[in-house]
PDB file of N, CA and C in Angstrom:
ATOM      1  N   UNK A   1       0.859  -1.178   0.000  1.00  0.00           N
ATOM      2  CA  UNK A   1       0.000   0.000   0.000  1.00  0.00           C
ATOM      3  C   UNK A   1       0.899   1.233   0.000  1.00  0.00           C
ATOM      4  N   UNK A   2       0.641   2.142  -0.924  1.00  0.00           N
ATOM      5  CA  UNK A   2       1.444   3.359  -0.999  1.00  0.00           C
ATOM      6  C   UNK A   2       1.180   4.224   0.236  1.00  0.00           C
ATOM      7  N   UNK A   3       2.113   5.107   0.490  1.00  0.00           N
ATOM      8  CA  UNK A   3       1.985   5.999   1.658  1.00  0.00           C
ATOM      9  C   UNK A   3       0.734   6.865   1.559  1.00  0.00           C
ATOM     10  N   UNK A   4       0.454   7.380   0.366  1.00  0.00           N
ATOM     11  CA  UNK A   4      -0.737   8.213   0.169  1.00  0.00           C
ATOM     12  C   UNK A   4      -2.008   7.412   0.423  1.00  0.00           C
ATOM     13  N   UNK A   5      -2.066   6.201  -0.120  1.00  0.00           N
ATOM     14  CA  UNK A   5      -3.239   5.336   0.070  1.00  0.00           C
ATOM     15  C   UNK A   5      -3.388   4.975   1.542  1.00  0.00           C
ATOM     16  N   UNK A   6      -2.273   4.703   2.217  1.00  0.00           N
ATOM     17  CA  UNK A   6      -2.304   4.374   3.649  1.00  0.00           C
ATOM     18  C   UNK A   6      -2.889   5.539   4.451  1.00  0.00           C
ATOM     19  N   UNK A   7      -2.456   6.746   4.162  1.00  0.00           N
ATOM     20  CA  UNK A   7      -2.947   7.932   4.872  1.00  0.00           C
ATOM     21  C   UNK A   7      -4.441   8.118   4.623  1.00  0.00           C
ATOM     22  N   UNK A   8      -4.872   7.921   3.375  1.00  0.00           N
ATOM     23  CA  UNK A   8      -6.302   8.032   3.055  1.00  0.00           C
ATOM     24  C   UNK A   8      -7.118   6.986   3.818  1.00  0.00           C
ATOM     25  N   UNK A   9      -6.611   5.770   3.881  1.00  0.00           N
ATOM     26  CA  UNK A   9      -7.305   4.694   4.591  1.00  0.00           C
ATOM     27  C   UNK A   9      -7.383   4.993   6.073  1.00  0.00           C
ATOM     28  N   UNK A  10      -6.287   5.423   6.668  1.00  0.00           N
ATOM     29  CA  UNK A  10      -6.275   5.757   8.095  1.00  0.00           C
ATOM     30  C   UNK A  10      -7.263   6.888   8.385  1.00  0.00           C
ATOM     31  N   UNK A  11      -7.310   7.883   7.519  1.00  0.00           N
ATOM     32  CA  UNK A  11      -8.243   8.998   7.697  1.00  0.00           C
ATOM     33  C   UNK A  11      -9.684   8.504   7.676  1.00  0.00           C
ATOM     34  N   UNK A  12     -10.020   7.633   6.738  1.00  0.00           N
ATOM     35  CA  UNK A  12     -11.377   7.090   6.654  1.00  0.00           C
ATOM     36  C   UNK A  12     -11.703   6.222   7.872  1.00  0.00           C
ATOM     37  N   UNK A  13     -10.738   5.459   8.341  1.00  0.00           N
ATOM     38  CA  UNK A  13     -10.948   4.636   9.541  1.00  0.00           C
ATOM     39  C   UNK A  13     -11.207   5.538  10.740  1.00  0.00           C
ATOM     40  N   UNK A  14     -10.440   6.609  10.866  1.00  0.00           N
ATOM     41  CA  UNK A  14     -10.642   7.551  11.975  1.00  0.00           C
ATOM     42  C   UNK A  14     -12.043   8.166  11.917  1.00  0.00           C
ATOM     43  N   UNK A  15     -12.519   8.496  10.717  1.00  0.00           N
ATOM     44  CA  UNK A  15     -13.872   9.031  10.565  1.00  0.00           C
ATOM     45  C   UNK A  15     -14.903   8.010  11.025  1.00  0.00           C
ATOM     46  N   UNK A  16     -14.695   6.743  10.694  1.00  0.00           N
ATOM     47  CA  UNK A  16     -15.610   5.683  11.120  1.00  0.00           C
ATOM     48  C   UNK A  16     -15.594   5.543  12.641  1.00  0.00           C
ATOM     49  N   UNK A  17     -14.421   5.621  13.241  1.00  0.00           N
ATOM     50  CA  UNK A  17     -14.323   5.509  14.700  1.00  0.00           C
ATOM     51  C   UNK A  17     -15.012   6.684  15.390  1.00  0.00           C
ATOM     52  N   UNK A  18     -14.910   7.868  14.802  1.00  0.00           N
ATOM     53  CA  UNK A  18     -15.594   9.035  15.369  1.00  0.00           C
ATOM     54  C   UNK A  18     -17.106   8.855  15.322  1.00  0.00           C
ATOM     55  N   UNK A  19     -17.585   8.141  14.314  1.00  0.00           N
ATOM     56  CA  UNK A  19     -19.018   7.887  14.201  1.00  0.00           C
ATOM     57  C   UNK A  19     -19.515   6.934  15.290  1.00  0.00           C
ATOM     58  N   UNK A  20     -18.718   5.956  15.634  1.00  0.00           N
ATOM     59  CA  UNK A  20     -19.146   4.963  16.617  1.00  0.00           C
ATOM     60  C   UNK A  20     -18.769   5.354  18.049  1.00  0.00           C
ATOM     61  N   UNK A  21     -17.810   6.238  18.209  1.00  0.00           N
ATOM     62  CA  UNK A  21     -17.314   6.620  19.536  1.00  0.00           C
ATOM     63  C   UNK A  21     -18.420   7.063  20.506  1.00  0.00           C
ATOM     64  N   UNK A  22     -19.394   7.887  20.094  1.00  0.00           N
ATOM     65  CA  UNK A  22     -20.437   8.304  21.046  1.00  0.00           C
ATOM     66  C   UNK A  22     -21.212   7.132  21.658  1.00  0.00           C
ATOM     67  N   UNK A  23     -21.423   6.083  20.898  1.00  0.00           N
ATOM     68  CA  UNK A  23     -22.122   4.910  21.416  1.00  0.00           C
ATOM     69  C   UNK A  23     -21.282   4.194  22.468  1.00  0.00           C
ATOM     70  N   UNK A  24     -19.972   4.135  22.228  1.00  0.00           N
ATOM     71  CA  UNK A  24     -19.075   3.519  23.200  1.00  0.00           C
ATOM     72  C   UNK A  24     -18.961   4.391  24.452  1.00  0.00           C
ATOM     73  N   UNK A  25     -18.844   5.700  24.255  1.00  0.00           N
ATOM     74  CA  UNK A  25     -18.730   6.632  25.384  1.00  0.00           C
ATOM     75  C   UNK A  25     -19.954   6.577  26.284  1.00  0.00           C
ATOM     76  N   UNK A  26     -21.120   6.388  25.669  1.00  0.00           N
ATOM     77  CA  UNK A  26     -22.369   6.338  26.435  1.00  0.00           C
ATOM     78  C   UNK A  26     -22.342   5.224  27.483  1.00  0.00           C
ATOM     79  N   UNK A  27     -21.632   4.151  27.181  1.00  0.00           N
ATOM     80  CA  UNK A  27     -21.524   3.027  28.111  1.00  0.00           C
ATOM     81  C   UNK A  27     -20.215   3.047  28.896  1.00  0.00           C
ATOM     82  N   UNK A  28     -19.519   4.171  28.864  1.00  0.00           N
ATOM     83  CA  UNK A  28     -18.277   4.302  29.640  1.00  0.00           C
ATOM     84  C   UNK A  28     -17.057   3.716  28.951  1.00  0.00           C
ATOM     85  N   UNK A  29     -17.132   3.534  27.640  1.00  0.00           N
ATOM     86  CA  UNK A  29     -16.002   2.967  26.904  1.00  0.00           C
ATOM     87  C   UNK A  29     -15.462   3.933  25.872  1.00  0.00           C
ATOM     88  N   UNK A  30     -14.466   3.475  25.169  1.00  0.00           N
ATOM     89  CA  UNK A  30     -13.867   4.250  24.090  1.00  0.00           C
ATOM     90  C   UNK A  30     -13.076   3.290  23.210  1.00  0.00           C
ATOM     91  N   UNK A  31     -12.482   3.824  22.164  1.00  0.00           N
ATOM     92  CA  UNK A  31     -11.700   3.013  21.236  1.00  0.00           C
ATOM     93  C   UNK A  31     -10.504   3.820  20.763  1.00  0.00           C
ATOM     94  N   UNK A  32      -9.396   3.129  20.578  1.00  0.00           N
ATOM     95  CA  UNK A  32      -8.159   3.762  20.125  1.00  0.00           C
ATOM     96  C   UNK A  32      -7.668   3.025  18.879  1.00  0.00           C
ATOM     97  N   UNK A  33      -7.329   3.769  17.842  1.00  0.00           N
ATOM     98  CA  UNK A  33      -6.744   3.164  16.648  1.00  0.00           C
ATOM     99  C   UNK A  33      -5.264   2.914  16.919  1.00  0.00           C
ATOM    100  N   UNK A  34      -4.838   1.673  16.762  1.00  0.00           N
ATOM    101  CA  UNK A  34      -3.430   1.319  16.955  1.00  0.00           C
ATOM    102  C   UNK A  34      -2.689   1.365  15.618  1.00  0.00           C
ATOM    103  N   UNK A  35      -3.276   0.719  14.589  1.00  0.00           N
ATOM    104  CA  UNK A  35      -2.593   0.670  13.293  1.00  0.00           C
ATOM    105  C   UNK A  35      -3.555   0.176  12.219  1.00  0.00           C
ATOM    106  N   UNK A  36      -3.186   0.427  10.992  1.00  0.00           N
ATOM    107  CA  UNK A  36      -3.850  -0.154   9.840  1.00  0.00           C
ATOM    108  C   UNK A  36      -2.753  -0.838   9.038  1.00  0.00           C
ATOM    109  N   UNK A  37      -2.868  -2.161   8.907  1.00  0.00           N
ATOM    110  CA  UNK A  37      -1.871  -2.939   8.168  1.00  0.00           C
ATOM    111  C   UNK A  37      -2.584  -3.682   7.059  1.00  0.00           C
ATOM    112  N   UNK A  38      -2.212  -3.335   5.828  1.00  0.00           N
ATOM    113  CA  UNK A  38      -2.871  -3.908   4.657  1.00  0.00           C
ATOM    114  C   UNK A  38      -4.376  -3.703   4.766  1.00  0.00           C
ATOM    115  N   UNK A  39      -5.152  -4.780   4.889  1.00  0.00           N
ATOM    116  CA  UNK A  39      -6.606  -4.685   4.964  1.00  0.00           C
ATOM    117  C   UNK A  39      -7.133  -4.998   6.358  1.00  0.00           C
ATOM    118  N   UNK A  40      -6.287  -4.803   7.367  1.00  0.00           N
ATOM    119  CA  UNK A  40      -6.648  -5.094   8.749  1.00  0.00           C
ATOM    120  C   UNK A  40      -6.489  -3.844   9.599  1.00  0.00           C
ATOM    121  N   UNK A  41      -7.502  -3.582  10.419  1.00  0.00           N
ATOM    122  CA  UNK A  41      -7.452  -2.462  11.355  1.00  0.00           C
ATOM    123  C   UNK A  41      -7.218  -3.036  12.741  1.00  0.00           C
ATOM    124  N   UNK A  42      -6.274  -2.454  13.463  1.00  0.00           N
ATOM    125  CA  UNK A  42      -5.961  -2.894  14.820  1.00  0.00           C
ATOM    126  C   UNK A  42      -6.373  -1.772  15.767  1.00  0.00           C
ATOM    127  N   UNK A  43      -7.233  -2.122  16.717  1.00  0.00           N
ATOM    128  CA  UNK A  43      -7.759  -1.155  17.673  1.00  0.00           C
ATOM    129  C   UNK A  43      -7.572  -1.673  19.088  1.00  0.00           C
ATOM    130  N   UNK A  44      -7.795  -0.791  20.043  1.00  0.00           N
ATOM    131  CA  UNK A  44      -7.816  -1.169  21.460  1.00  0.00           C
ATOM    132  C   UNK A  44      -9.106  -0.616  22.046  1.00  0.00           C
ATOM    133  N   UNK A  45      -9.942  -1.510  22.576  1.00  0.00           N
ATOM    134  CA  UNK A  45     -11.137  -1.079  23.291  1.00  0.00           C
ATOM    135  C   UNK A  45     -10.714  -0.613  24.671  1.00  0.00           C
ATOM    136  N   UNK A  46     -11.263   0.514  25.110  1.00  0.00           N
ATOM    137  CA  UNK A  46     -10.852   1.145  26.363  1.00  0.00           C
ATOM    138  C   UNK A  46     -12.037   1.266  27.319  1.00  0.00           C
ATOM    139  N   UNK A  47     -11.730   1.564  28.577  1.00  0.00           N
ATOM    140  CA  UNK A  47     -12.771   1.785  29.576  1.00  0.00           C
ATOM    141  C   UNK A  47     -13.612   0.547  29.777  1.00  0.00           C
ATOM    142  N   UNK A  48     -14.912   0.743  29.943  1.00  0.00           N
ATOM    143  CA  UNK A  48     -15.815  -0.374  30.171  1.00  0.00           C
ATOM    144  C   UNK A  48     -15.817  -1.370  29.017  1.00  0.00           C
ATOM    145  N   UNK A  49     -15.497  -0.911  27.827  1.00  0.00           N
ATOM    146  CA  UNK A  49     -15.491  -1.810  26.667  1.00  0.00           C
ATOM    147  C   UNK A  49     -14.391  -2.868  26.763  1.00  0.00           C
ATOM    148  N   UNK A  50     -13.309  -2.556  27.456  1.00  0.00           N
ATOM    149  CA  UNK A  50     -12.194  -3.503  27.521  1.00  0.00           C
ATOM    150  C   UNK A  50     -12.537  -4.750  28.329  1.00  0.00           C
ATOM    151  N   UNK A  51     -13.444  -4.616  29.290  1.00  0.00           N
ATOM    152  CA  UNK A  51     -13.771  -5.770  30.136  1.00  0.00           C
ATOM    153  C   UNK A  51     -15.204  -6.258  29.969  1.00  0.00           C
ATOM    154  N   UNK A  52     -15.949  -5.655  29.065  1.00  0.00           N
ATOM    155  CA  UNK A  52     -17.342  -6.025  28.857  1.00  0.00           C
ATOM    156  C   UNK A  52     -17.441  -7.430  28.253  1.00  0.00           C
ATOM    157  N   UNK A  53     -18.393  -8.208  28.724  1.00  0.00           N
ATOM    158  CA  UNK A  53     -18.539  -9.579  28.243  1.00  0.00           C
ATOM    159  C   UNK A  53     -19.066  -9.663  26.808  1.00  0.00           C
ATOM    160  N   UNK A  54     -19.579  -8.576  26.267  1.00  0.00           N
ATOM    161  CA  UNK A  54     -20.046  -8.601  24.870  1.00  0.00           C
ATOM    162  C   UNK A  54     -19.151  -7.757  23.955  1.00  0.00           C
ATOM    163  N   UNK A  55     -17.914  -7.509  24.377  1.00  0.00           N
ATOM    164  CA  UNK A  55     -17.045  -6.651  23.564  1.00  0.00           C
ATOM    165  C   UNK A  55     -16.695  -7.270  22.210  1.00  0.00           C
ATOM    166  N   UNK A  56     -16.740  -8.588  22.094  1.00  0.00           N
ATOM    167  CA  UNK A  56     -16.499  -9.210  20.790  1.00  0.00           C
ATOM    168  C   UNK A  56     -17.633  -8.858  19.829  1.00  0.00           C
ATOM    169  N   UNK A  57     -18.854  -8.862  20.322  1.00  0.00           N
ATOM    170  CA  UNK A  57     -19.995  -8.460  19.495  1.00  0.00           C
ATOM    171  C   UNK A  57     -19.899  -6.993  19.121  1.00  0.00           C
ATOM    172  N   UNK A  58     -19.534  -6.163  20.089  1.00  0.00           N
ATOM    173  CA  UNK A  58     -19.370  -4.731  19.819  1.00  0.00           C
ATOM    174  C   UNK A  58     -18.321  -4.537  18.738  1.00  0.00           C
ATOM    175  N   UNK A  59     -17.229  -5.266  18.840  1.00  0.00           N
ATOM    176  CA  UNK A  59     -16.136  -5.124  17.886  1.00  0.00           C
ATOM    177  C   UNK A  59     -16.575  -5.548  16.489  1.00  0.00           C
ATOM    178  N   UNK A  60     -17.199  -6.693  16.367  1.00  0.00           N
ATOM    179  CA  UNK A  60     -17.555  -7.225  15.044  1.00  0.00           C
ATOM    180  C   UNK A  60     -18.806  -6.554  14.471  1.00  0.00           C
ATOM    181  N   UNK A  61     -19.863  -6.457  15.255  1.00  0.00           N
ATOM    182  CA  UNK A  61     -21.123  -5.942  14.740  1.00  0.00           C
ATOM    183  C   UNK A  61     -21.148  -4.425  14.647  1.00  0.00           C
ATOM    184  N   UNK A  62     -20.528  -3.756  15.603  1.00  0.00           N
ATOM    185  CA  UNK A  62     -20.542  -2.300  15.605  1.00  0.00           C
ATOM    186  C   UNK A  62     -19.346  -1.692  14.909  1.00  0.00           C
ATOM    187  N   UNK A  63     -18.185  -1.931  15.462  1.00  0.00           N
ATOM    188  CA  UNK A  63     -16.962  -1.288  14.977  1.00  0.00           C
ATOM    189  C   UNK A  63     -16.589  -1.770  13.576  1.00  0.00           C
ATOM    190  N   UNK A  64     -16.490  -3.080  13.400  1.00  0.00           N
ATOM    191  CA  UNK A  64     -16.053  -3.607  12.104  1.00  0.00           C
ATOM    192  C   UNK A  64     -17.032  -3.235  10.983  1.00  0.00           C
ATOM    193  N   UNK A  65     -18.316  -3.364  11.241  1.00  0.00           N
ATOM    194  CA  UNK A  65     -19.302  -3.018  10.209  1.00  0.00           C
ATOM    195  C   UNK A  65     -19.249  -1.539   9.842  1.00  0.00           C
ATOM    196  N   UNK A  66     -19.085  -0.678  10.840  1.00  0.00           N
ATOM    197  CA  UNK A  66     -18.999   0.765  10.570  1.00  0.00           C
ATOM    198  C   UNK A  66     -17.747   1.088   9.765  1.00  0.00           C
ATOM    199  N   UNK A  67     -16.632   0.494  10.138  1.00  0.00           N
ATOM    200  CA  UNK A  67     -15.389   0.739   9.400  1.00  0.00           C
ATOM    201  C   UNK A  67     -15.528   0.258   7.957  1.00  0.00           C
ATOM    202  N   UNK A  68     -16.118  -0.922   7.766  1.00  0.00           N
ATOM    203  CA  UNK A  68     -16.272  -1.463   6.406  1.00  0.00           C
ATOM    204  C   UNK A  68     -17.190  -0.594   5.549  1.00  0.00           C
ATOM    205  N   UNK A  69     -18.140   0.096   6.164  1.00  0.00           N
ATOM    206  CA  UNK A  69     -18.992   1.011   5.411  1.00  0.00           C
ATOM    207  C   UNK A  69     -18.174   2.194   4.880  1.00  0.00           C
ATOM    208  N   UNK A  70     -17.222   2.650   5.689  1.00  0.00           N
ATOM    209  CA  UNK A  70     -16.373   3.778   5.299  1.00  0.00           C
ATOM    210  C   UNK A  70     -15.215   3.348   4.396  1.00  0.00           C
ATOM    211  N   UNK A  71     -14.699   2.141   4.654  1.00  0.00           N
ATOM    212  CA  UNK A  71     -13.519   1.644   3.942  1.00  0.00           C
ATOM    213  C   UNK A  71     -13.779   0.187   3.536  1.00  0.00           C
ATOM    214  N   UNK A  72     -14.459  -0.022   2.415  1.00  0.00           N
ATOM    215  CA  UNK A  72     -14.852  -1.380   2.013  1.00  0.00           C
ATOM    216  C   UNK A  72     -13.704  -2.369   1.839  1.00  0.00           C
ATOM    217  N   UNK A  73     -12.499  -1.875   1.584  1.00  0.00           N
ATOM    218  CA  UNK A  73     -11.376  -2.798   1.395  1.00  0.00           C
ATOM    219  C   UNK A  73     -10.867  -3.412   2.696  1.00  0.00           C
ATOM    220  N   UNK A  74     -11.324  -2.912   3.843  1.00  0.00           N
ATOM    221  CA  UNK A  74     -10.937  -3.499   5.127  1.00  0.00           C
ATOM    222  C   UNK A  74     -11.619  -4.854   5.264  1.00  0.00           C
ATOM    223  N   UNK A  75     -10.841  -5.860   5.632  1.00  0.00           N
ATOM    224  CA  UNK A  75     -11.336  -7.228   5.751  1.00  0.00           C
ATOM    225  C   UNK A  75     -11.621  -7.584   7.196  1.00  0.00           C
ATOM    226  N   UNK A  76     -10.827  -7.042   8.122  1.00  0.00           N
ATOM    227  CA  UNK A  76     -10.919  -7.482   9.517  1.00  0.00           C
ATOM    228  C   UNK A  76     -10.537  -6.343  10.463  1.00  0.00           C
ATOM    229  N   UNK A  77     -11.177  -6.353  11.639  1.00  0.00           N
ATOM    230  CA  UNK A  77     -10.798  -5.448  12.719  1.00  0.00           C
ATOM    231  C   UNK A  77     -10.423  -6.322  13.908  1.00  0.00           C
ATOM    232  N   UNK A  78      -9.252  -6.062  14.468  1.00  0.00           N
ATOM    233  CA  UNK A  78      -8.722  -6.848  15.576  1.00  0.00           C
ATOM    234  C   UNK A  78      -8.547  -5.948  16.789  1.00  0.00           C
ATOM    235  N   UNK A  79      -8.951  -6.446  17.954  1.00  0.00           N
ATOM    236  CA  UNK A  79      -8.750  -5.740  19.217  1.00  0.00           C
ATOM    237  C   UNK A  79      -7.507  -6.304  19.904  1.00  0.00           C
ATOM    238  N   UNK A  80      -6.639  -5.425  20.370  1.00  0.00           N
ATOM    239  CA  UNK A  80      -5.477  -5.845  21.155  1.00  0.00           C
ATOM    240  C   UNK A  80      -5.627  -5.285  22.569  1.00  0.00           C
ATOM    241  N   UNK A  81      -5.106  -6.024  23.530  1.00  0.00           N
ATOM    242  CA  UNK A  81      -5.173  -5.581  24.928  1.00  0.00           C
ATOM    243  C   UNK A  81      -4.032  -4.677  25.273  1.00  0.00           C
TER     244      UNK A  81
END
Protein backbone atom coordinates (compact mmCIF):
# COMPACT_ATOMS: atom_id res chain seq x y z
CA UNK A 1 0.00 0.00 0.00
CA UNK A 2 1.44 3.36 -1.00
CA UNK A 3 1.98 6.00 1.66
CA UNK A 4 -0.74 8.21 0.17
CA UNK A 5 -3.24 5.34 0.07
CA UNK A 6 -2.30 4.37 3.65
CA UNK A 7 -2.95 7.93 4.87
CA UNK A 8 -6.30 8.03 3.06
CA UNK A 9 -7.30 4.69 4.59
CA UNK A 10 -6.27 5.76 8.09
CA UNK A 11 -8.24 9.00 7.70
CA UNK A 12 -11.38 7.09 6.65
CA UNK A 13 -10.95 4.64 9.54
CA UNK A 14 -10.64 7.55 11.97
CA UNK A 15 -13.87 9.03 10.57
CA UNK A 16 -15.61 5.68 11.12
CA UNK A 17 -14.32 5.51 14.70
CA UNK A 18 -15.59 9.04 15.37
CA UNK A 19 -19.02 7.89 14.20
CA UNK A 20 -19.15 4.96 16.62
CA UNK A 21 -17.31 6.62 19.54
CA UNK A 22 -20.44 8.30 21.05
CA UNK A 23 -22.12 4.91 21.42
CA UNK A 24 -19.08 3.52 23.20
CA UNK A 25 -18.73 6.63 25.38
CA UNK A 26 -22.37 6.34 26.43
CA UNK A 27 -21.52 3.03 28.11
CA UNK A 28 -18.28 4.30 29.64
CA UNK A 29 -16.00 2.97 26.90
CA UNK A 30 -13.87 4.25 24.09
CA UNK A 31 -11.70 3.01 21.24
CA UNK A 32 -8.16 3.76 20.12
CA UNK A 33 -6.74 3.16 16.65
CA UNK A 34 -3.43 1.32 16.96
CA UNK A 35 -2.59 0.67 13.29
CA UNK A 36 -3.85 -0.15 9.84
CA UNK A 37 -1.87 -2.94 8.17
CA UNK A 38 -2.87 -3.91 4.66
CA UNK A 39 -6.61 -4.68 4.96
CA UNK A 40 -6.65 -5.09 8.75
CA UNK A 41 -7.45 -2.46 11.36
CA UNK A 42 -5.96 -2.89 14.82
CA UNK A 43 -7.76 -1.15 17.67
CA UNK A 44 -7.82 -1.17 21.46
CA UNK A 45 -11.14 -1.08 23.29
CA UNK A 46 -10.85 1.15 26.36
CA UNK A 47 -12.77 1.78 29.58
CA UNK A 48 -15.81 -0.37 30.17
CA UNK A 49 -15.49 -1.81 26.67
CA UNK A 50 -12.19 -3.50 27.52
CA UNK A 51 -13.77 -5.77 30.14
CA UNK A 52 -17.34 -6.02 28.86
CA UNK A 53 -18.54 -9.58 28.24
CA UNK A 54 -20.05 -8.60 24.87
CA UNK A 55 -17.05 -6.65 23.56
CA UNK A 56 -16.50 -9.21 20.79
CA UNK A 57 -20.00 -8.46 19.50
CA UNK A 58 -19.37 -4.73 19.82
CA UNK A 59 -16.14 -5.12 17.89
CA UNK A 60 -17.56 -7.22 15.04
CA UNK A 61 -21.12 -5.94 14.74
CA UNK A 62 -20.54 -2.30 15.61
CA UNK A 63 -16.96 -1.29 14.98
CA UNK A 64 -16.05 -3.61 12.10
CA UNK A 65 -19.30 -3.02 10.21
CA UNK A 66 -19.00 0.76 10.57
CA UNK A 67 -15.39 0.74 9.40
CA UNK A 68 -16.27 -1.46 6.41
CA UNK A 69 -18.99 1.01 5.41
CA UNK A 70 -16.37 3.78 5.30
CA UNK A 71 -13.52 1.64 3.94
CA UNK A 72 -14.85 -1.38 2.01
CA UNK A 73 -11.38 -2.80 1.39
CA UNK A 74 -10.94 -3.50 5.13
CA UNK A 75 -11.34 -7.23 5.75
CA UNK A 76 -10.92 -7.48 9.52
CA UNK A 77 -10.80 -5.45 12.72
CA UNK A 78 -8.72 -6.85 15.58
CA UNK A 79 -8.75 -5.74 19.22
CA UNK A 80 -5.48 -5.84 21.16
CA UNK A 81 -5.17 -5.58 24.93
